Amino acid sequence: MNNSLKSKVFTTNWDAWNNKWVPIVATPFLAAIGVVIGFILNVHFASSELGQVLVMGLFLVVTMMAGYTLLALID
């Protein structure tokens, strides 16, 4: 279970990755991409300030989960 997809994506088990630098390097890039996408699209999905922040957070989480999943499949 140490190298499974679940232990790479949903937990903070650094030993599950074959290359230890993948999550360290990918985290800031995935977070930045998620925030930029959320910042651009938040006005189209919500009209209030709270709604815009929540939409940005949603895009951040979705981008990071999708990115980690793709990286785990490659790794």
PDB file of N, CA and C in Angstrom:
ATOM      1  N   MET A   1       0.825  -1.193   0.000  1.00  0.00           N
ATOM      2  CA  MET A   1       0.000   0.000   0.000  1.00  0.00           C
ATOM      3  C   MET A   1       0.867   1.254   0.000  1.00  0.00           C
ATOM      4  N   ASN A   2       2.155   1.090   0.112  1.00  0.00           N
ATOM      5  CA  ASN A   2       3.044   2.234   0.215  1.00  0.00           C
ATOM      6  C   ASN A   2       3.119   3.026  -1.087  1.00  0.00           C
ATOM      7  N   ASN A   3       3.024   2.390  -2.228  1.00  0.00           N
ATOM      8  CA  ASN A   3       3.125   3.088  -3.506  1.00  0.00           C
ATOM      9  C   ASN A   3       1.793   3.221  -4.219  1.00  0.00           C
ATOM     10  N   SER A   4       0.709   3.081  -3.511  1.00  0.00           N
ATOM     11  CA  SER A   4      -0.592   3.168  -4.169  1.00  0.00           C
ATOM     12  C   SER A   4      -0.935   4.623  -4.489  1.00  0.00           C
ATOM     13  N   LEU A   5      -1.868   4.767  -5.399  1.00  0.00           N
ATOM     14  CA  LEU A   5      -2.318   6.093  -5.815  1.00  0.00           C
ATOM     15  C   LEU A   5      -2.952   6.848  -4.657  1.00  0.00           C
ATOM     16  N   LYS A   6      -3.685   6.146  -3.805  1.00  0.00           N
ATOM     17  CA  LYS A   6      -4.353   6.781  -2.669  1.00  0.00           C
ATOM     18  C   LYS A   6      -3.345   7.358  -1.690  1.00  0.00           C
ATOM     19  N   SER A   7      -2.259   6.637  -1.421  1.00  0.00           N
ATOM     20  CA  SER A   7      -1.284   7.150  -0.465  1.00  0.00           C
ATOM     21  C   SER A   7      -0.482   8.307  -1.037  1.00  0.00           C
ATOM     22  N   LYS A   8      -0.421   8.425  -2.359  1.00  0.00           N
ATOM     23  CA  LYS A   8       0.287   9.552  -2.967  1.00  0.00           C
ATOM     24  C   LYS A   8      -0.564  10.813  -3.007  1.00  0.00           C
ATOM     25  N   VAL A   9      -1.845  10.654  -3.282  1.00  0.00           N
ATOM     26  CA  VAL A   9      -2.692  11.826  -3.513  1.00  0.00           C
ATOM     27  C   VAL A   9      -3.353  12.333  -2.238  1.00  0.00           C
ATOM     28  N   PHE A  10      -3.915  11.442  -1.422  1.00  0.00           N
ATOM     29  CA  PHE A  10      -4.750  11.876  -0.307  1.00  0.00           C
ATOM     30  C   PHE A  10      -4.033  11.954   1.034  1.00  0.00           C
ATOM     31  N   THR A  11      -2.833  11.438   1.158  1.00  0.00           N
ATOM     32  CA  THR A  11      -2.115  11.510   2.426  1.00  0.00           C
ATOM     33  C   THR A  11      -0.829  12.297   2.239  1.00  0.00           C
ATOM     34  N   THR A  12      -0.164  12.556   3.316  1.00  0.00           N
ATOM     35  CA  THR A  12       1.109  13.274   3.244  1.00  0.00           C
ATOM     36  C   THR A  12       2.283  12.320   3.397  1.00  0.00           C
ATOM     37  N   ASN A  13       2.163  11.151   2.809  1.00  0.00           N
ATOM     38  CA  ASN A  13       3.208  10.143   2.879  1.00  0.00           C
ATOM     39  C   ASN A  13       4.245  10.432   1.798  1.00  0.00           C
ATOM     40  N   TRP A  14       5.341  11.064   2.174  1.00  0.00           N
ATOM     41  CA  TRP A  14       6.376  11.421   1.205  1.00  0.00           C
ATOM     42  C   TRP A  14       7.119  10.184   0.708  1.00  0.00           C
ATOM     43  N   ASP A  15       7.101   9.114   1.487  1.00  0.00           N
ATOM     44  CA  ASP A  15       7.818   7.901   1.089  1.00  0.00           C
ATOM     45  C   ASP A  15       7.096   7.138  -0.012  1.00  0.00           C
ATOM     46  N   ALA A  16       5.853   7.461  -0.287  1.00  0.00           N
ATOM     47  CA  ALA A  16       5.104   6.754  -1.325  1.00  0.00           C
ATOM     48  C   ALA A  16       5.562   7.151  -2.725  1.00  0.00           C
ATOM     49  N   TRP A  17       6.125   8.345  -2.854  1.00  0.00           N
ATOM     50  CA  TRP A  17       6.560   8.827  -4.160  1.00  0.00           C
ATOM     51  C   TRP A  17       7.911   8.220  -4.515  1.00  0.00           C
ATOM     52  N   ASN A  18       8.083   7.843  -5.780  1.00  0.00           N
ATOM     53  CA  ASN A  18       9.369   7.335  -6.230  1.00  0.00           C
ATOM     54  C   ASN A  18      10.406   8.451  -6.270  1.00  0.00           C
ATOM     55  N   ASN A  19       9.999   9.618  -6.722  1.00  0.00           N
ATOM     56  CA  ASN A  19      10.860  10.791  -6.734  1.00  0.00           C
ATOM     57  C   ASN A  19      10.348  11.742  -5.662  1.00  0.00           C
ATOM     58  N   LYS A  20      11.115  11.966  -4.622  1.00  0.00           N
ATOM     59  CA  LYS A  20      10.665  12.766  -3.474  1.00  0.00           C
ATOM     60  C   LYS A  20      10.458  14.245  -3.821  1.00  0.00           C
ATOM     61  N   TRP A  21      11.052  14.715  -4.912  1.00  0.00           N
ATOM     62  CA  TRP A  21      10.957  16.119  -5.271  1.00  0.00           C
ATOM     63  C   TRP A  21       9.662  16.462  -6.009  1.00  0.00           C
ATOM     64  N   VAL A  22       8.947  15.466  -6.487  1.00  0.00           N
ATOM     65  CA  VAL A  22       7.728  15.740  -7.260  1.00  0.00           C
ATOM     66  C   VAL A  22       6.710  16.533  -6.445  1.00  0.00           C
ATOM     67  N   PRO A  23       6.306  16.101  -5.255  1.00  0.00           N
ATOM     68  CA  PRO A  23       5.304  16.901  -4.524  1.00  0.00           C
ATOM     69  C   PRO A  23       5.855  18.224  -4.019  1.00  0.00           C
ATOM     70  N   ILE A  24       7.137  18.274  -3.719  1.00  0.00           N
ATOM     71  CA  ILE A  24       7.722  19.517  -3.204  1.00  0.00           C
ATOM     72  C   ILE A  24       7.748  20.592  -4.285  1.00  0.00           C
ATOM     73  N   VAL A  25       8.103  20.213  -5.492  1.00  0.00           N
ATOM     74  CA  VAL A  25       8.192  21.176  -6.592  1.00  0.00           C
ATOM     75  C   VAL A  25       6.812  21.480  -7.167  1.00  0.00           C
ATOM     76  N   ALA A  26       5.945  20.490  -7.217  1.00  0.00           N
ATOM     77  CA  ALA A  26       4.643  20.666  -7.864  1.00  0.00           C
ATOM     78  C   ALA A  26       3.653  21.468  -7.024  1.00  0.00           C
ATOM     79  N   THR A  27       3.770  21.428  -5.705  1.00  0.00           N
ATOM     80  CA  THR A  27       2.789  22.088  -4.843  1.00  0.00           C
ATOM     81  C   THR A  27       2.646  23.583  -5.113  1.00  0.00           C
ATOM     82  N   PRO A  28       3.721  24.373  -5.145  1.00  0.00           N
ATOM     83  CA  PRO A  28       3.518  25.807  -5.410  1.00  0.00           C
ATOM     84  C   PRO A  28       2.986  26.095  -6.807  1.00  0.00           C
ATOM     85  N   PHE A  29       3.409  25.313  -7.798  1.00  0.00           N
ATOM     86  CA  PHE A  29       2.921  25.538  -9.153  1.00  0.00           C
ATOM     87  C   PHE A  29       1.444  25.206  -9.286  1.00  0.00           C
ATOM     88  N   LEU A  30       1.028  24.093  -8.711  1.00  0.00           N
ATOM     89  CA  LEU A  30      -0.383  23.731  -8.774  1.00  0.00           C
ATOM     90  C   LEU A  30      -1.241  24.728  -8.005  1.00  0.00           C
ATOM     91  N   ALA A  31      -0.753  25.201  -6.872  1.00  0.00           N
ATOM     92  CA  ALA A  31      -1.502  26.191  -6.095  1.00  0.00           C
ATOM     93  C   ALA A  31      -1.630  27.503  -6.871  1.00  0.00           C
ATOM     94  N   ALA A  32      -0.557  27.929  -7.498  1.00  0.00           N
ATOM     95  CA  ALA A  32      -0.607  29.174  -8.267  1.00  0.00           C
ATOM     96  C   ALA A  32      -1.546  29.054  -9.460  1.00  0.00           C
ATOM     97  N   ILE A  33      -1.508  27.938 -10.150  1.00  0.00           N
ATOM     98  CA  ILE A  33      -2.406  27.731 -11.288  1.00  0.00           C
ATOM     99  C   ILE A  33      -3.861  27.714 -10.823  1.00  0.00           C
ATOM    100  N   GLY A  34      -4.145  27.050  -9.708  1.00  0.00           N
ATOM    101  CA  GLY A  34      -5.506  27.011  -9.186  1.00  0.00           C
ATOM    102  C   GLY A  34      -6.018  28.375  -8.781  1.00  0.00           C
ATOM    103  N   VAL A  35      -5.177  29.175  -8.148  1.00  0.00           N
ATOM    104  CA  VAL A  35      -5.592  30.518  -7.725  1.00  0.00           C
ATOM    105  C   VAL A  35      -5.823  31.413  -8.936  1.00  0.00           C
ATOM    106  N   VAL A  36      -4.971  31.320  -9.935  1.00  0.00           N
ATOM    107  CA  VAL A  36      -5.147  32.150 -11.134  1.00  0.00           C
ATOM    108  C   VAL A  36      -6.434  31.772 -11.864  1.00  0.00           C
ATOM    109  N   ILE A  37      -6.679  30.484 -12.038  1.00  0.00           N
ATOM    110  CA  ILE A  37      -7.920  30.056 -12.692  1.00  0.00           C
ATOM    111  C   ILE A  37      -9.127  30.498 -11.872  1.00  0.00           C
ATOM    112  N   GLY A  38      -9.066  30.333 -10.570  1.00  0.00           N
ATOM    113  CA  GLY A  38     -10.169  30.766  -9.712  1.00  0.00           C
ATOM    114  C   GLY A  38     -10.373  32.266  -9.729  1.00  0.00           C
ATOM    115  N   PHE A  39      -9.281  33.022  -9.768  1.00  0.00           N
ATOM    116  CA  PHE A  39      -9.375  34.485  -9.796  1.00  0.00           C
ATOM    117  C   PHE A  39     -10.009  34.966 -11.097  1.00  0.00           C
ATOM    118  N   ILE A  40      -9.673  34.307 -12.190  1.00  0.00           N
ATOM    119  CA  ILE A  40     -10.231  34.710 -13.486  1.00  0.00           C
ATOM    120  C   ILE A  40     -11.703  34.336 -13.603  1.00  0.00           C
ATOM    121  N   LEU A  41     -12.066  33.164 -13.107  1.00  0.00           N
ATOM    122  CA  LEU A  41     -13.428  32.668 -13.317  1.00  0.00           C
ATOM    123  C   LEU A  41     -14.389  32.939 -12.171  1.00  0.00           C
ATOM    124  N   ASN A  42     -13.924  33.482 -11.042  1.00  0.00           N
ATOM    125  CA  ASN A  42     -14.821  33.630  -9.894  1.00  0.00           C
ATOM    126  C   ASN A  42     -15.943  34.626 -10.144  1.00  0.00           C
ATOM    127  N   VAL A  43     -15.731  35.637 -10.946  1.00  0.00           N
ATOM    128  CA  VAL A  43     -16.791  36.616 -11.200  1.00  0.00           C
ATOM    129  C   VAL A  43     -17.893  36.036 -12.067  1.00  0.00           C
ATOM    130  N   HIS A  44     -17.603  34.956 -12.775  1.00  0.00           N
ATOM    131  CA  HIS A  44     -18.610  34.336 -13.630  1.00  0.00           C
ATOM    132  C   HIS A  44     -19.499  33.359 -12.866  1.00  0.00           C
ATOM    133  N   PHE A  45     -19.020  32.882 -11.714  1.00  0.00           N
ATOM    134  CA  PHE A  45     -19.768  31.876 -10.958  1.00  0.00           C
ATOM    135  C   PHE A  45     -20.424  32.412  -9.693  1.00  0.00           C
ATOM    136  N   ALA A  46     -19.995  33.563  -9.193  1.00  0.00           N
ATOM    137  CA  ALA A  46     -20.557  34.091  -7.946  1.00  0.00           C
ATOM    138  C   ALA A  46     -20.610  35.610  -8.017  1.00  0.00           C
ATOM    139  N   SER A  47     -21.596  36.170  -7.324  1.00  0.00           N
ATOM    140  CA  SER A  47     -21.740  37.625  -7.347  1.00  0.00           C
ATOM    141  C   SER A  47     -21.318  38.281  -6.036  1.00  0.00           C
ATOM    142  N   SER A  48     -21.265  37.542  -4.948  1.00  0.00           N
ATOM    143  CA  SER A  48     -20.881  38.137  -3.669  1.00  0.00           C
ATOM    144  C   SER A  48     -19.397  37.906  -3.406  1.00  0.00           C
ATOM    145  N   GLU A  49     -18.853  38.667  -2.472  1.00  0.00           N
ATOM    146  CA  GLU A  49     -17.437  38.526  -2.125  1.00  0.00           C
ATOM    147  C   GLU A  49     -17.137  37.150  -1.540  1.00  0.00           C
ATOM    148  N   LEU A  50     -17.999  36.692  -0.662  1.00  0.00           N
ATOM    149  CA  LEU A  50     -17.804  35.378  -0.058  1.00  0.00           C
ATOM    150  C   LEU A  50     -17.890  34.280  -1.115  1.00  0.00           C
ATOM    151  N   GLY A  51     -18.825  34.406  -2.014  1.00  0.00           N
ATOM    152  CA  GLY A  51     -18.964  33.431  -3.086  1.00  0.00           C
ATOM    153  C   GLY A  51     -17.745  33.390  -3.984  1.00  0.00           C
ATOM    154  N   GLN A  52     -17.171  34.548  -4.263  1.00  0.00           N
ATOM    155  CA  GLN A  52     -15.977  34.596  -5.102  1.00  0.00           C
ATOM    156  C   GLN A  52     -14.784  33.937  -4.413  1.00  0.00           C
ATOM    157  N   VAL A  53     -14.655  34.140  -3.118  1.00  0.00           N
ATOM    158  CA  VAL A  53     -13.573  33.498  -2.369  1.00  0.00           C
ATOM    159  C   VAL A  53     -13.765  31.988  -2.327  1.00  0.00           C
ATOM    160  N   LEU A  54     -15.000  31.564  -2.133  1.00  0.00           N
ATOM    161  CA  LEU A  54     -15.271  30.125  -2.107  1.00  0.00           C
ATOM    162  C   LEU A  54     -15.039  29.477  -3.464  1.00  0.00           C
ATOM    163  N   VAL A  55     -15.396  30.166  -4.535  1.00  0.00           N
ATOM    164  CA  VAL A  55     -15.148  29.635  -5.877  1.00  0.00           C
ATOM    165  C   VAL A  55     -13.649  29.532  -6.140  1.00  0.00           C
ATOM    166  N   MET A  56     -12.892  30.536  -5.696  1.00  0.00           N
ATOM    167  CA  MET A  56     -11.437  30.485  -5.867  1.00  0.00           C
ATOM    168  C   MET A  56     -10.844  29.320  -5.077  1.00  0.00           C
ATOM    169  N   GLY A  57     -11.328  29.110  -3.872  1.00  0.00           N
ATOM    170  CA  GLY A  57     -10.855  27.977  -3.075  1.00  0.00           C
ATOM    171  C   GLY A  57     -11.214  26.647  -3.706  1.00  0.00           C
ATOM    172  N   LEU A  58     -12.403  26.568  -4.290  1.00  0.00           N
ATOM    173  CA  LEU A  58     -12.820  25.342  -4.973  1.00  0.00           C
ATOM    174  C   LEU A  58     -11.903  25.041  -6.156  1.00  0.00           C
ATOM    175  N   PHE A  59     -11.602  26.059  -6.957  1.00  0.00           N
ATOM    176  CA  PHE A  59     -10.708  25.843  -8.088  1.00  0.00           C
ATOM    177  C   PHE A  59      -9.298  25.479  -7.629  1.00  0.00           C
ATOM    178  N   LEU A  60      -8.865  26.018  -6.511  1.00  0.00           N
ATOM    179  CA  LEU A  60      -7.561  25.664  -5.957  1.00  0.00           C
ATOM    180  C   LEU A  60      -7.521  24.188  -5.585  1.00  0.00           C
ATOM    181  N   VAL A  61      -8.533  23.723  -4.886  1.00  0.00           N
ATOM    182  CA  VAL A  61      -8.580  22.319  -4.451  1.00  0.00           C
ATOM    183  C   VAL A  61      -8.691  21.380  -5.646  1.00  0.00           C
ATOM    184  N   VAL A  62      -9.544  21.712  -6.598  1.00  0.00           N
ATOM    185  CA  VAL A  62      -9.731  20.849  -7.767  1.00  0.00           C
ATOM    186  C   VAL A  62      -8.454  20.782  -8.599  1.00  0.00           C
ATOM    187  N   THR A  63      -7.794  21.901  -8.775  1.00  0.00           N
ATOM    188  CA  THR A  63      -6.553  21.915  -9.554  1.00  0.00           C
ATOM    189  C   THR A  63      -5.472  21.104  -8.864  1.00  0.00           C
ATOM    190  N   MET A  64      -5.347  21.238  -7.564  1.00  0.00           N
ATOM    191  CA  MET A  64      -4.309  20.493  -6.855  1.00  0.00           C
ATOM    192  C   MET A  64      -4.602  18.996  -6.858  1.00  0.00           C
ATOM    193  N   MET A  65      -5.847  18.598  -6.655  1.00  0.00           N
ATOM    194  CA  MET A  65      -6.181  17.166  -6.673  1.00  0.00           C
ATOM    195  C   MET A  65      -5.974  16.571  -8.063  1.00  0.00           C
ATOM    196  N   ALA A  66      -6.389  17.282  -9.084  1.00  0.00           N
ATOM    197  CA  ALA A  66      -6.193  16.781 -10.449  1.00  0.00           C
ATOM    198  C   ALA A  66      -4.710  16.720 -10.801  1.00  0.00           C
ATOM    199  N   GLY A  67      -3.966  17.732 -10.402  1.00  0.00           N
ATOM    200  CA  GLY A  67      -2.529  17.732 -10.681  1.00  0.00           C
ATOM    201  C   GLY A  67      -1.788  16.636  -9.952  1.00  0.00           C
ATOM    202  N   TYR A  68      -2.102  16.440  -8.678  1.00  0.00           N
ATOM    203  CA  TYR A  68      -1.458  15.359  -7.923  1.00  0.00           C
ATOM    204  C   TYR A  68      -1.832  13.991  -8.479  1.00  0.00           C
ATOM    205  N   THR A  69      -3.081  13.851  -8.927  1.00  0.00           N
ATOM    206  CA  THR A  69      -3.491  12.570  -9.497  1.00  0.00           C
ATOM    207  C   THR A  69      -2.725  12.272 -10.776  1.00  0.00           C
ATOM    208  N   LEU A  70      -2.591  13.275 -11.643  1.00  0.00           N
ATOM    209  CA  LEU A  70      -1.822  13.071 -12.875  1.00  0.00           C
ATOM    210  C   LEU A  70      -0.353  12.787 -12.576  1.00  0.00           C
ATOM    211  N   LEU A  71       0.221  13.503 -11.628  1.00  0.00           N
ATOM    212  CA  LEU A  71       1.615  13.254 -11.277  1.00  0.00           C
ATOM    213  C   LEU A  71       1.805  11.882 -10.649  1.00  0.00           C
ATOM    214  N   ALA A  72       0.833  11.442  -9.851  1.00  0.00           N
ATOM    215  CA  ALA A  72       0.930  10.108  -9.249  1.00  0.00           C
ATOM    216  C   ALA A  72       0.803   9.013 -10.300  1.00  0.00           C
ATOM    217  N   LEU A  73      -0.015   9.237 -11.315  1.00  0.00           N
ATOM    218  CA  LEU A  73      -0.124   8.260 -12.386  1.00  0.00           C
ATOM    219  C   LEU A  73       1.174   8.178 -13.192  1.00  0.00           C
ATOM    220  N   ILE A  74       1.813   9.313 -13.395  1.00  0.00           N
ATOM    221  CA  ILE A  74       3.085   9.327 -14.123  1.00  0.00           C
ATOM    222  C   ILE A  74       4.193   8.714 -13.289  1.00  0.00           C
ATOM    223  N   ASP A  75       4.172   8.996 -11.998  1.00  0.00           N
ATOM    224  CA  ASP A  75       5.227   8.502 -11.097  1.00  0.00           C
ATOM    225  C   ASP A  75       5.052   7.019 -10.884  1.00  0.00           C
TER     226      ASP A  75
END
